[in-house]
Protein backbone atom coordinates (compact mmCIF):
# COMPACT_ATOMS: atom_id res chain seq x y z
CA UNK A 1 -20.87 16.33 7.44
CA UNK A 2 -24.16 15.25 9.03
CA UNK A 3 -24.43 12.43 6.47
CA UNK A 4 -21.00 11.07 7.42
CA UNK A 5 -21.78 11.30 11.13
CA UNK A 6 -25.01 9.36 10.62
CA UNK A 7 -23.10 6.73 8.62
CA UNK A 8 -20.51 6.23 11.36
CA UNK A 9 -23.21 6.02 14.04
CA UNK A 10 -25.12 3.46 11.98
CA UNK A 11 -22.02 1.31 11.56
CA UNK A 12 -21.35 1.43 15.30
CA UNK A 13 -24.96 0.46 15.98
CA UNK A 14 -24.88 -2.43 13.54
CA UNK A 15 -21.55 -3.81 14.75
CA UNK A 16 -20.50 -5.34 18.01
CA UNK A 17 -17.05 -4.52 19.37
CA UNK A 18 -15.03 -7.66 19.85
CA UNK A 19 -14.16 -9.44 23.05
CA UNK A 20 -11.18 -11.16 21.45
CA UNK A 21 -7.92 -11.53 23.33
CA UNK A 22 -5.43 -12.32 20.55
CA UNK A 23 -2.39 -10.12 20.03
CA UNK A 24 -2.08 -7.76 17.03
CA UNK A 25 1.06 -9.64 16.07
CA UNK A 26 -0.82 -12.95 15.57
CA UNK A 27 -0.88 -12.40 11.79
CA UNK A 28 2.13 -10.83 10.11
CA UNK A 29 1.70 -10.94 6.36
CA UNK A 30 2.86 -9.62 3.02
CA UNK A 31 0.89 -9.44 -0.21
CA UNK A 32 2.66 -9.97 -3.54
CA UNK A 33 1.06 -8.39 -6.60
CA UNK A 34 3.83 -8.77 -9.19
CA UNK A 35 4.45 -11.68 -11.51
CA UNK A 36 8.19 -11.61 -10.95
CA UNK A 37 9.76 -14.80 -9.57
CA UNK A 38 13.06 -13.20 -8.58
CA UNK A 39 11.41 -10.39 -6.60
CA UNK A 40 8.62 -12.56 -5.23
CA UNK A 41 10.92 -15.28 -3.97
CA UNK A 42 13.27 -12.71 -2.42
CA UNK A 43 10.34 -11.07 -0.63
CA UNK A 44 9.07 -14.41 0.70
CA UNK A 45 12.43 -15.49 2.09
CA UNK A 46 13.02 -12.06 3.62
CA UNK A 47 9.57 -12.01 5.24
CA UNK A 48 9.99 -15.50 6.62
CA UNK A 49 13.35 -14.56 8.14
CA UNK A 50 11.57 -11.77 10.05
CA UNK A 51 8.97 -14.11 11.48
CA UNK A 52 6.12 -13.46 9.04
CA UNK A 53 3.53 -16.22 8.95
CA UNK A 54 1.04 -15.14 6.29
CA UNK A 55 1.33 -14.62 2.52
CA UNK A 56 -1.23 -13.35 0.02
CA UNK A 57 -0.96 -13.68 -3.77
CA UNK A 58 -3.02 -11.33 -5.92
CA UNK A 59 -3.27 -9.06 -8.97
CA UNK A 60 -0.79 -10.20 -11.67
CA UNK A 61 -0.28 -13.56 -9.95
CA UNK A 62 -4.03 -14.15 -9.86
CA UNK A 63 -6.95 -11.95 -8.97
CA UNK A 64 -9.48 -14.77 -8.70
CA UNK A 65 -9.51 -18.43 -7.80
CA UNK A 66 -10.73 -19.07 -11.36
CA UNK A 67 -7.33 -17.89 -12.64
CA UNK A 68 -5.92 -21.18 -11.36
CA UNK A 69 -7.52 -22.91 -14.32
CA UNK A 70 -4.64 -21.46 -16.31
CA UNK A 71 -1.71 -23.89 -16.01
CA UNK A 72 0.90 -21.12 -16.03
CA UNK A 73 -0.83 -19.26 -13.20
CA UNK A 74 -1.28 -22.46 -11.24
CA UNK A 75 2.37 -23.45 -11.65
CA UNK A 76 3.57 -20.08 -10.34
CA UNK A 77 1.23 -20.21 -7.34
CA UNK A 78 2.38 -23.73 -6.48
CA UNK A 79 6.04 -22.67 -6.61
CA UNK A 80 5.42 -19.60 -4.45
CA UNK A 81 3.33 -21.56 -1.96
CA UNK A 82 5.94 -24.32 -1.70
CA UNK A 83 8.70 -21.75 -1.12
CA UNK A 84 6.63 -19.97 1.52
CA UNK A 85 5.81 -23.15 3.40
CA UNK A 86 9.38 -24.43 3.29
CA UNK A 87 10.57 -21.03 4.57
CA UNK A 88 8.24 -21.19 7.57
CA UNK A 89 5.21 -19.19 6.41
CA UNK A 90 2.20 -21.21 7.52
CA UNK A 91 -0.71 -19.57 5.69
CA UNK A 92 -0.71 -18.86 1.96
CA UNK A 93 -3.88 -17.27 0.60
CA UNK A 94 -5.13 -16.50 -2.90
CA UNK A 95 -7.35 -13.55 -3.68
CA UNK A 96 -10.84 -14.08 -5.03
CA UNK A 97 -13.75 -11.84 -6.07
CA UNK A 98 -17.37 -12.84 -6.21
CA UNK A 99 -19.28 -12.71 -8.36
CA UNK A 100 -17.15 -13.13 -11.50
CA UNK A 101 -18.13 -11.50 -14.80
CA UNK A 102 -21.62 -12.47 -15.94
CA UNK A 103 -20.38 -14.43 -18.98
CA UNK A 104 -18.63 -16.83 -16.59
CA UNK A 105 -21.95 -18.34 -15.52
CA UNK A 106 -24.13 -20.75 -17.54
CA UNK A 107 -26.83 -19.10 -19.62
CA UNK A 108 -29.52 -21.04 -17.78
CA UNK A 109 -28.88 -18.82 -14.75
CA UNK A 110 -29.50 -15.58 -16.66
CA UNK A 111 -32.76 -13.75 -16.01
CA UNK A 112 -34.60 -13.62 -19.38
CA UNK A 113 -34.11 -10.48 -21.45
CA UNK A 114 -31.86 -8.67 -18.97
CA UNK A 115 -28.32 -10.06 -19.16
CA UNK A 116 -28.40 -10.27 -15.36
CA UNK A 117 -27.68 -13.31 -13.23
CA UNK A 118 -30.82 -14.67 -11.62
CA UNK A 119 -29.65 -15.32 -8.07
CA UNK A 120 -32.96 -17.02 -7.32
CA UNK A 121 -32.73 -19.47 -10.22
CA UNK A 122 -33.05 -23.13 -9.15
CA UNK A 123 -29.63 -24.71 -8.76
CA UNK A 124 -27.56 -21.54 -8.98
CA UNK A 125 -26.00 -21.71 -5.53
CA UNK A 126 -25.42 -25.46 -5.80
CA UNK A 127 -23.64 -24.85 -9.12
CA UNK A 128 -21.45 -22.23 -7.43
CA UNK A 129 -20.47 -24.69 -4.69
CA UNK A 130 -19.50 -27.29 -7.29
CA UNK A 131 -17.45 -24.64 -9.09
CA UNK A 132 -15.52 -23.74 -5.93
CA UNK A 133 -14.94 -27.42 -5.16
CA UNK A 134 -13.44 -27.90 -8.60
CA UNK A 135 -11.22 -24.80 -8.37
CA UNK A 136 -9.97 -25.54 -4.85
CA UNK A 137 -9.08 -29.08 -5.88
CA UNK A 138 -6.63 -27.62 -8.41
CA UNK A 139 -4.46 -25.97 -5.76
CA UNK A 140 -4.32 -27.95 -2.53
CA UNK A 141 -1.11 -26.04 -1.67
CA UNK A 142 -3.01 -22.90 -0.65
CA UNK A 143 -4.34 -22.49 2.86
CA UNK A 144 -7.12 -19.96 2.35
CA UNK A 145 -8.91 -17.33 0.30
CA UNK A 146 -9.19 -13.55 0.57
CA UNK A 147 -12.74 -12.88 -0.63
CA UNK A 148 -13.79 -9.47 -1.93
CA UNK A 149 -17.56 -9.48 -2.43
CA UNK A 150 -18.35 -5.82 -3.24
CA UNK A 151 -15.81 -4.77 -5.87
CA UNK A 152 -16.27 -7.69 -8.24
CA UNK A 153 -16.81 -8.49 -11.90
CA UNK A 154 -20.58 -8.82 -11.67
CA UNK A 155 -21.65 -6.79 -8.68
CA UNK A 156 -24.06 -8.93 -6.73
CA UNK A 157 -26.12 -5.87 -5.81
CA UNK A 158 -26.79 -5.29 -9.54
CA UNK A 159 -28.10 -8.77 -10.34
CA UNK A 160 -31.69 -10.05 -10.20
CA UNK A 161 -33.08 -11.33 -6.91
CA UNK A 162 -35.94 -10.86 -4.48
CA UNK A 163 -33.32 -10.85 -1.71
CA UNK A 164 -32.16 -7.56 -0.23
CA UNK A 165 -28.55 -6.54 -0.91
CA UNK A 166 -27.36 -7.52 2.60
CA UNK A 167 -29.11 -10.89 2.21
CA UNK A 168 -27.35 -11.45 -1.12
CA UNK A 169 -23.97 -10.63 0.38
CA UNK A 170 -24.61 -12.99 3.30
CA UNK A 171 -25.69 -15.69 0.87
CA UNK A 172 -22.53 -15.56 -1.20
CA UNK A 173 -20.36 -15.53 1.93
CA UNK A 174 -22.12 -18.56 3.36
CA UNK A 175 -22.01 -20.41 0.03
CA UNK A 176 -18.26 -19.91 -0.36
CA UNK A 177 -17.51 -20.55 3.33
CA UNK A 178 -19.35 -23.88 3.35
CA UNK A 179 -16.95 -25.15 0.69
CA UNK A 180 -13.75 -23.35 1.70
CA UNK A 181 -14.03 -23.78 5.49
CA UNK A 182 -16.32 -26.74 6.08
CA UNK A 183 -15.34 -29.04 3.24
CA UNK A 184 -11.72 -28.10 2.53
CA UNK A 185 -10.70 -26.91 6.00
CA UNK A 186 -9.17 -23.70 4.69
CA UNK A 187 -9.39 -20.17 6.04
CA UNK A 188 -11.61 -17.47 4.56
CA UNK A 189 -10.79 -13.80 5.08
CA UNK A 190 -13.61 -11.42 4.07
CA UNK A 191 -12.26 -8.23 2.56
CA UNK A 192 -14.49 -5.25 3.36
CA UNK A 193 -13.33 -2.95 0.56
CA UNK A 194 -16.16 -0.71 -0.69
CA UNK A 195 -16.68 2.55 -2.57
CA UNK A 196 -19.26 4.42 -0.57
CA UNK A 197 -21.22 4.64 2.65
CA UNK A 198 -24.18 2.66 1.29
CA UNK A 199 -21.93 -0.29 0.45
CA UNK A 200 -20.34 -0.19 3.91
CA UNK A 201 -23.81 -0.16 5.47
CA UNK A 202 -24.77 -3.23 3.42
CA UNK A 203 -21.59 -4.97 4.57
CA UNK A 204 -22.35 -4.21 8.21
CA UNK A 205 -25.90 -5.52 7.88
CA UNK A 206 -24.88 -8.69 6.06
CA UNK A 207 -22.32 -9.59 8.72
CA UNK A 208 -25.18 -9.80 11.19
CA UNK A 209 -26.79 -12.45 9.00
CA UNK A 210 -23.72 -14.61 8.36
CA UNK A 211 -23.10 -17.85 10.21
CA UNK A 212 -19.52 -17.26 11.29
CA UNK A 213 -17.10 -20.18 11.30
CA UNK A 214 -13.92 -20.68 13.30
CA UNK A 215 -11.75 -20.34 10.20
CA UNK A 216 -13.28 -17.04 9.09
CA UNK A 217 -12.02 -13.53 9.72
CA UNK A 218 -12.02 -10.02 8.27
CA UNK A 219 -9.49 -8.00 6.32
CA UNK A 220 -9.92 -4.26 5.95
CA UNK A 221 -7.72 -1.43 4.74
CA UNK A 222 -6.13 0.98 7.16
CA UNK A 223 -8.17 3.70 5.41
CA UNK A 224 -11.82 3.75 4.23
CA UNK A 225 -11.13 3.43 0.50
CA UNK A 226 -7.98 3.52 -1.63
CA UNK A 227 -4.54 3.94 -0.06
CA UNK A 228 -4.30 7.73 0.14
CA UNK A 229 -2.07 9.22 2.82
CA UNK A 230 -4.56 12.06 3.33
CA UNK A 231 -7.35 9.64 4.32
CA UNK A 232 -8.33 9.13 7.98
CA UNK A 233 -8.16 5.75 9.71
CA UNK A 234 -10.79 3.22 8.65
CA UNK A 235 -13.76 3.72 11.04
CA UNK A 236 -14.76 0.05 10.65
CA UNK A 237 -11.57 -1.25 12.24
CA UNK A 238 -12.51 -3.19 15.35
CA UNK A 239 -16.27 -2.73 14.95
CA UNK A 240 -16.97 -6.41 14.36
CA UNK A 241 -16.62 -9.31 16.78
CA UNK A 242 -14.38 -11.22 14.40
CA UNK A 243 -10.60 -11.56 14.07
CA UNK A 244 -9.46 -8.70 11.84
CA UNK A 245 -6.25 -8.07 9.93
CA UNK A 246 -5.41 -4.61 8.63
CA UNK A 247 -4.36 -4.20 5.01
CA UNK A 248 -1.53 -1.72 4.29
CA UNK A 249 0.22 -0.67 1.10
CA UNK A 250 3.93 -0.33 1.92
CA UNK A 251 4.90 0.09 -1.74
CA UNK A 252 2.66 3.09 -2.45
CA UNK A 253 0.28 2.48 -5.34
CA UNK A 254 -0.81 6.12 -5.21
CA UNK A 255 2.38 7.37 -3.57
CA UNK A 256 5.20 6.83 -6.02
CA UNK A 257 5.40 3.00 -6.05
CA UNK A 258 8.97 3.22 -4.67
CA UNK A 259 10.15 4.65 -7.99
CA UNK A 260 10.68 7.93 -6.16
CA UNK A 261 11.45 8.28 -2.46
CA UNK A 262 8.37 7.20 -0.50
CA UNK A 263 9.87 6.27 2.84
CA UNK A 264 7.18 7.39 5.30
CA UNK A 265 7.95 5.35 8.41
CA UNK A 266 6.17 7.67 10.82
CA UNK A 267 2.92 7.46 8.85
CA UNK A 268 2.93 3.65 8.83
CA UNK A 269 4.08 3.32 12.43
CA UNK A 270 1.44 5.70 13.76
CA UNK A 271 -1.40 4.06 11.79
CA UNK A 272 -0.47 0.59 12.97
CA UNK A 273 0.01 1.80 16.56
CA UNK A 274 -3.56 3.06 16.59
CA UNK A 275 -4.87 -0.12 14.96
CA UNK A 276 -2.90 -2.34 17.34
CA UNK A 277 -4.78 -0.83 20.25
CA UNK A 278 -8.07 -2.16 18.88
CA UNK A 279 -9.16 -5.40 20.53
CA UNK A 280 -10.41 -7.19 17.43
CA UNK A 281 -7.27 -6.48 15.40
CA UNK A 282 -5.13 -9.62 15.19
CA UNK A 283 -2.43 -8.40 12.84
CA UNK A 284 -1.73 -6.98 9.41
CA UNK A 285 -0.82 -7.72 5.83
CA UNK A 286 1.17 -5.25 3.72
CA UNK A 287 1.56 -4.99 -0.03
CA UNK A 288 5.25 -4.98 -0.89
CA UNK A 289 4.99 -4.61 -4.67
CA UNK A 290 2.92 -2.86 -7.29
CA UNK A 291 3.03 -5.20 -10.29
CA UNK A 292 5.81 -5.16 -12.89
CA UNK A 293 9.25 -5.26 -11.29
CA UNK A 294 8.38 -3.09 -8.29
CA UNK A 295 9.30 -4.53 -4.87
CA UNK A 296 10.35 -2.84 -1.64
CA UNK A 297 12.45 -5.70 -0.27
CA UNK A 298 16.06 -4.55 -0.09
CA UNK A 299 15.16 -0.93 -0.87
CA UNK A 300 14.77 2.13 1.38
CA UNK A 301 10.96 1.71 1.29
CA UNK A 302 11.34 -1.52 3.25
CA UNK A 303 11.37 0.72 6.32
CA UNK A 304 7.61 1.19 5.79
CA UNK A 305 7.02 -2.53 6.30
CA UNK A 306 9.35 -2.75 9.27
CA UNK A 307 7.62 0.15 11.01
CA UNK A 308 4.27 -1.63 10.66
CA UNK A 309 5.90 -4.65 12.28
CA UNK A 310 7.44 -2.55 15.04
CA UNK A 311 4.10 -0.93 15.90
CA UNK A 312 2.29 -4.29 15.90
CA UNK A 313 4.86 -5.84 18.20
CA UNK A 314 5.23 -2.89 20.56
CA UNK A 315 2.48 -0.24 20.19
CA UNK A 316 3.77 1.72 23.17
CA UNK A 317 7.15 2.35 21.55
CA UNK A 318 7.37 5.80 19.95
CA UNK A 319 7.84 6.20 16.22
CA UNK A 320 11.15 7.98 16.79
CA UNK A 321 12.51 5.09 18.85
CA UNK A 322 11.44 2.56 16.22
CA UNK A 323 12.80 4.60 13.30
CA UNK A 324 16.10 5.35 15.01
CA UNK A 325 16.59 1.69 15.88
CA UNK A 326 15.84 0.54 12.34
CA UNK A 327 18.19 3.06 10.72
CA UNK A 328 21.04 2.22 13.10
CA UNK A 329 20.64 -1.50 12.46
CA UNK A 330 20.20 -1.19 8.71
CA UNK A 331 22.58 1.64 7.76
CA UNK A 332 24.90 2.09 10.73
CA UNK A 333 25.02 4.50 13.64
CA UNK A 334 27.06 7.14 11.80
CA UNK A 335 24.55 7.53 8.97
CA UNK A 336 21.35 7.07 10.97
CA UNK A 337 20.76 10.65 12.16
CA UNK A 338 21.23 12.37 8.79
CA UNK A 339 19.44 9.58 6.95
CA UNK A 340 16.43 10.05 9.20
CA UNK A 341 16.23 13.68 8.06
CA UNK A 342 16.72 12.65 4.46
CA UNK A 343 13.95 10.06 4.61
CA UNK A 344 11.65 12.58 6.31
CA UNK A 345 11.70 14.60 3.07
CA UNK A 346 9.72 11.81 1.46
CA UNK A 347 6.38 13.21 2.66
CA UNK A 348 7.22 16.54 1.02
CA UNK A 349 8.19 14.73 -2.17
CA UNK A 350 4.94 12.79 -2.27
CA UNK A 351 2.87 15.89 -1.40
CA UNK A 352 4.52 17.84 -4.21
CA UNK A 353 4.19 15.14 -6.85
CA UNK A 354 1.07 13.15 -5.99
CA UNK A 355 -1.07 15.49 -3.84
CA UNK A 356 -1.44 19.06 -5.11
CA UNK A 357 -3.09 20.90 -2.21
CA UNK A 358 -4.12 17.57 -0.63
CA UNK A 359 -5.93 16.34 -3.75
CA UNK A 360 -4.43 13.23 -5.30
CA UNK A 361 -3.56 14.38 -8.81
CA UNK A 362 -1.91 11.10 -9.79
CA UNK A 363 -3.76 8.21 -11.42
CA UNK A 364 -2.08 5.27 -9.66
CA UNK A 365 0.97 7.58 -9.34
CA UNK A 366 0.88 8.65 -13.01
CA UNK A 367 0.57 12.40 -13.51
CA UNK A 368 -3.00 13.30 -14.44
CA UNK A 369 -4.59 16.56 -13.37
CA UNK A 370 -7.93 15.93 -15.11
CA UNK A 371 -8.94 12.59 -13.61
CA UNK A 372 -12.61 12.80 -12.46
CA UNK A 373 -11.88 10.70 -9.35
CA UNK A 374 -9.38 13.31 -8.14
CA UNK A 375 -12.26 15.69 -7.50
CA UNK A 376 -14.89 13.22 -6.30
CA UNK A 377 -14.23 9.61 -5.31
CA UNK A 378 -10.68 10.20 -4.07
CA UNK A 379 -11.28 13.35 -2.03
CA UNK A 380 -10.37 12.57 1.58
CA UNK A 381 -13.09 14.95 2.74
CA UNK A 382 -15.59 12.20 1.90
CA UNK A 383 -14.45 10.31 4.97
CA UNK A 384 -13.48 12.97 7.49
CA UNK A 385 -15.70 14.22 10.30
CA UNK A 386 -14.76 17.83 9.48
CA UNK A 387 -15.50 19.49 6.14
CA UNK A 388 -12.36 21.64 6.39
CA UNK A 389 -8.68 20.85 6.03
CA UNK A 390 -5.58 22.83 7.02
CA UNK A 391 -2.98 23.10 4.25
CA UNK A 392 0.66 23.61 5.16
CA UNK A 393 3.58 23.91 2.73
CA UNK A 394 3.66 27.69 3.04
CA UNK A 395 -0.07 28.17 2.45
CA UNK A 396 -0.95 27.77 6.13
CA UNK A 397 -4.69 28.27 6.03
CA UNK A 398 -7.93 26.34 6.32
CA UNK A 399 -9.99 25.33 3.28
CA UNK A 400 -13.39 23.72 2.88
CA UNK A 401 -12.72 20.43 1.09
CA UNK A 402 -15.45 21.00 -1.50
CA UNK A 403 -16.31 24.68 -1.89
CA UNK A 404 -12.75 25.78 -1.09
CA UNK A 405 -10.64 23.19 -2.92
CA UNK A 406 -12.55 20.98 -5.33
CA UNK A 407 -14.84 23.67 -6.73
CA UNK A 408 -11.86 25.83 -7.71
CA UNK A 409 -9.24 23.28 -8.70
CA UNK A 410 -11.55 20.94 -10.63
CA UNK A 411 -12.03 21.57 -14.36
CA UNK A 412 -15.61 21.77 -15.55
CA UNK A 413 -15.32 18.33 -17.17
CA UNK A 414 -14.72 16.82 -13.72
CA UNK A 415 -17.78 18.47 -12.21
CA UNK A 416 -20.08 16.82 -14.74
CA UNK A 417 -20.04 13.52 -12.88
CA UNK A 418 -21.31 10.19 -14.10
CA UNK A 419 -24.16 8.60 -12.14
CA UNK A 420 -21.95 6.48 -9.88
CA UNK A 421 -19.59 9.29 -8.85
CA UNK A 422 -22.47 11.70 -8.39
CA UNK A 423 -24.11 9.21 -6.06
CA UNK A 424 -20.87 8.85 -4.07
CA UNK A 425 -20.77 12.57 -3.29
CA UNK A 426 -24.48 13.31 -3.38
CA UNK A 427 -24.29 15.26 -0.10
CA UNK A 428 -21.79 17.60 -1.79
CA UNK A 429 -23.90 18.36 -4.82
CA UNK A 430 -27.07 18.65 -2.74
CA UNK A 431 -25.37 21.23 -0.53
CA UNK A 432 -24.48 23.30 -3.60
CA UNK A 433 -20.73 23.21 -2.98
CA UNK A 434 -19.95 22.70 -6.67
CA UNK A 435 -20.80 25.15 -9.43
CA UNK A 436 -20.99 24.07 -13.06
CA UNK A 437 -18.36 26.55 -14.22
CA UNK A 438 -14.59 26.83 -14.12
CA UNK A 439 -13.66 28.76 -10.97
CA UNK A 440 -9.85 28.63 -11.25
CA UNK A 441 -8.19 31.94 -10.24
CA UNK A 442 -4.82 33.63 -9.89
CA UNK A 443 -5.12 33.29 -6.12
CA UNK A 444 -5.19 29.50 -6.36
CA UNK A 445 -2.41 29.49 -8.94
CA UNK A 446 -0.30 31.28 -6.34
CA UNK A 447 -1.25 28.60 -3.80
CA UNK A 448 -0.10 25.86 -6.18
CA UNK A 449 3.18 27.68 -6.73
CA UNK A 450 3.70 28.09 -2.98
CA UNK A 451 2.80 24.46 -2.23
CA UNK A 452 5.14 22.98 -4.83
CA UNK A 453 7.97 25.46 -4.09
CA UNK A 454 7.94 24.39 -0.46
CA UNK A 455 7.92 20.69 -1.37
CA UNK A 456 10.89 21.14 -3.72
CA UNK A 457 12.76 23.15 -1.07
CA UNK A 458 12.30 20.40 1.53
CA UNK A 459 13.30 17.69 -0.95
CA UNK A 460 16.52 19.55 -1.74
CA UNK A 461 17.23 19.85 1.99
CA UNK A 462 16.72 16.12 2.37
CA UNK A 463 19.08 15.40 -0.51
CA UNK A 464 21.74 17.53 1.19
CA UNK A 465 21.38 15.41 4.32
CA UNK A 466 21.95 12.28 2.26
CA UNK A 467 25.09 13.72 0.63
CA UNK A 468 26.54 14.53 4.06
CA UNK A 469 26.43 10.89 5.09
CA UNK A 470 27.89 9.55 1.85
CA UNK A 471 31.11 8.28 3.40
CA UNK A 472 29.28 6.54 6.25
CA UNK A 473 26.91 4.60 3.97
CA UNK A 474 27.68 1.49 1.96
CA UNK A 475 28.27 2.49 -1.65
CA UNK A 476 25.32 0.44 -2.92
CA UNK A 477 22.96 2.00 -0.37
CA UNK A 478 24.10 5.51 -1.15
CA UNK A 479 23.68 5.04 -4.88
CA UNK A 480 20.21 3.54 -4.47
CA UNK A 481 18.96 6.37 -2.23
CA UNK A 482 20.67 9.01 -4.37
CA UNK A 483 18.95 7.67 -7.48
CA UNK A 484 15.60 7.85 -5.67
CA UNK A 485 16.24 11.49 -4.77
CA UNK A 486 17.33 12.28 -8.32
CA UNK A 487 14.12 10.85 -9.78
CA UNK A 488 12.11 12.55 -7.03
CA UNK A 489 13.50 15.98 -7.88
CA UNK A 490 12.99 15.38 -11.58
CA UNK A 491 9.39 14.39 -10.91
CA UNK A 492 8.80 17.36 -8.60
CA UNK A 493 10.11 19.87 -11.11
CA UNK A 494 8.28 18.38 -14.07
CA UNK A 495 4.98 18.21 -12.20
CA UNK A 496 5.31 21.69 -10.74
CA UNK A 497 5.89 23.19 -14.18
CA UNK A 498 3.12 21.11 -15.73
CA UNK A 499 0.74 22.11 -12.91
CA UNK A 500 1.42 25.83 -13.37
CA UNK A 501 0.92 25.50 -17.12
CA UNK A 502 -2.29 23.46 -16.75
CA UNK A 503 -4.01 25.40 -13.98
CA UNK A 504 -2.59 28.71 -15.23
CA UNK A 505 -3.90 27.94 -18.69
CA UNK A 506 -7.36 27.48 -17.22
CA UNK A 507 -7.16 30.90 -15.56
CA UNK A 508 -6.09 32.39 -18.89
CA UNK A 509 -8.96 30.77 -20.76
CA UNK A 510 -11.47 32.48 -18.48
CA UNK A 511 -10.98 35.72 -20.40
CA UNK A 512 -9.34 39.14 -20.39
CA UNK A 513 -10.20 39.97 -16.77
CA UNK A 514 -8.16 36.97 -15.60
CA UNK A 515 -5.12 37.46 -17.87
CA UNK A 516 -3.03 39.32 -15.35
CA UNK A 517 0.72 39.99 -15.71
CA UNK A 518 1.36 37.42 -12.96
CA UNK A 519 -0.59 34.69 -14.77
CA UNK A 520 1.18 35.37 -18.07
CA UNK A 521 4.61 35.52 -16.43
CA UNK A 522 4.16 32.31 -14.44
CA UNK A 523 2.86 30.30 -17.40
CA UNK A 524 5.77 31.47 -19.58
CA UNK A 525 8.31 30.69 -16.86
CA UNK A 526 6.74 27.30 -16.18
CA UNK A 527 6.72 26.47 -19.90
CA UNK A 528 10.45 27.22 -20.12
CA UNK A 529 11.17 25.04 -17.10
CA UNK A 530 8.92 22.29 -18.43
CA UNK A 531 10.98 22.14 -21.63
CA UNK A 532 14.11 21.78 -19.49
CA UNK A 533 12.47 18.98 -17.48
CA UNK A 534 11.45 17.20 -20.66
CA UNK A 535 15.06 17.28 -21.81
CA UNK A 536 16.11 15.70 -18.48
CA UNK A 537 13.49 12.99 -18.92
CA UNK A 538 14.61 12.27 -22.48
CA UNK A 539 18.24 11.89 -21.43
CA UNK A 540 17.57 9.78 -18.31
CA UNK A 541 19.20 6.39 -18.77
CA UNK A 542 19.52 4.80 -15.32
CA UNK A 543 17.49 1.66 -14.58
CA UNK A 544 14.39 2.09 -12.45
CA UNK A 545 11.49 -0.14 -11.40
CA UNK A 546 8.25 -0.02 -13.36
CA UNK A 547 5.04 -0.96 -11.59
CA UNK A 548 1.71 0.22 -12.92
CA UNK A 549 3.43 3.61 -13.25
CA UNK A 550 6.27 4.14 -15.69
CA UNK A 551 8.23 7.11 -14.34
CA UNK A 552 9.27 8.39 -17.78
CA UNK A 553 5.75 8.15 -19.25
CA UNK A 554 4.83 11.42 -17.52
CA UNK A 555 6.84 13.21 -20.19
CA UNK A 556 4.20 12.52 -22.81
CA UNK A 557 1.45 14.05 -20.69
CA UNK A 558 3.69 17.02 -19.91
CA UNK A 559 4.22 17.62 -23.64
CA UNK A 560 0.47 17.57 -24.21
CA UNK A 561 0.04 20.22 -21.50
CA UNK A 562 2.84 22.30 -23.02
CA UNK A 563 1.25 22.08 -26.47
CA UNK A 564 -2.14 23.15 -25.06
CA UNK A 565 -0.92 26.55 -23.80
CA UNK A 566 -2.71 29.26 -25.82
CA UNK A 567 -0.21 30.85 -28.26
CA UNK A 568 -1.17 34.39 -27.19
CA UNK A 569 0.37 33.75 -23.76
CA UNK A 570 3.80 34.02 -25.39
CA UNK A 571 3.07 37.24 -27.33
């Protein structure tokens, strides 16, 4: 905890709070990640009709400016940019990452015998400017770049140079900005995404070295790292004297990707309300898709985006007022009250499927209980000021993030961390919170059962609320929300059974002293229910969106867990 406090104090010391007077609603943007013309064009027209003025194109459309050298990518970007501009959106930005992979750069810039880029090599930075001039000339339709300079192909901090890391970061920002802003007159938004405290410290230091231009600003996530609902607000928001837009994920990369019910309007409204009160914050951009054919426009999850808008426009309005108004306008006054209760079950659904005891057990929403990041990089306790967390859902007690949750729930394989992950949670290992043994117990198996039981119970209650407003909803709306609930309950039941089998199996494997009647009974019961869930998955035939998570693919992982149960459990 002392390490995190020192980090936050250092950031505050290094940064200057802004004296900017612009409104948080200055920038209202969406970010499209999917290469799907029908969905993308629908989202653009819808956003423009709501007064949005900013569009970002990334991921499957193009992750880097260099992707525009591909004619197919360039053609799609031009079509999307033309549609956006003709619809009234004034700023269209492409994503970019610097540096690119090392093999992108001429061999003459490689430091001999290392495979590293020599950042001090004569002509390197001039070559980079020429490269950006050439790439920007390909797509005059775009109005700016979103530059990520930490999470990139060839991490600049890993290359060869006599410059310090902050100096390198400042150098690449200035090099790109001189071309993008000075020569081409386009905007440059610097994306502050990073993995650990050291990287954030380097970012803060480098910003003090950069020559800021009028067309430059910052973009940072609403949370410190990936989009986890258990994370605190991003402590960097508003710490720099530069126009800042806040990046949200309204589709839910780690929260169901709108394949299951992930309408969490209160969460989004409250986060944006807090951000809107920060002087340097000039607006927001929200992801509305997650690759494939995912897209929230025209779906229940669109409420997430509208609540961000509502909070940006009127931070003093309560979440309840904003939610009630949206539901009345979108679904009608008769359905609004019950639908509000139905949508509120979404948090329980996401907790029960994606966050077992507040640990994200879903790899980009895909069920995976043994992902190393679940127990290290993605633990929200990395970013909180308090080492403890209160768990609800029937458990109703306080746990230490590391010694109380991670050390017990993590398998041994996830405690043997690689160098990068070990460095990210070095304060945890140094404090001795993790033991190199499997500590899973019957007590924690009971907690998992209680947690998931409560989530399923609340989801069922929410579904009942939906059914009671069936006659007051448009048929298409009812069917869409009903299908989301159906998939949500399927997912909840499959993941609960798989979780009991997986964590219960670990208790069983610890030996005779741990093979209690309760453990045996719960594994056997969960295995029976898991077989029933697998049958439901196999027979499911309704269409559903596929982003980076295919809803039905969880069945294969569930079968593997079922097959791994020791045969003696069933004797």
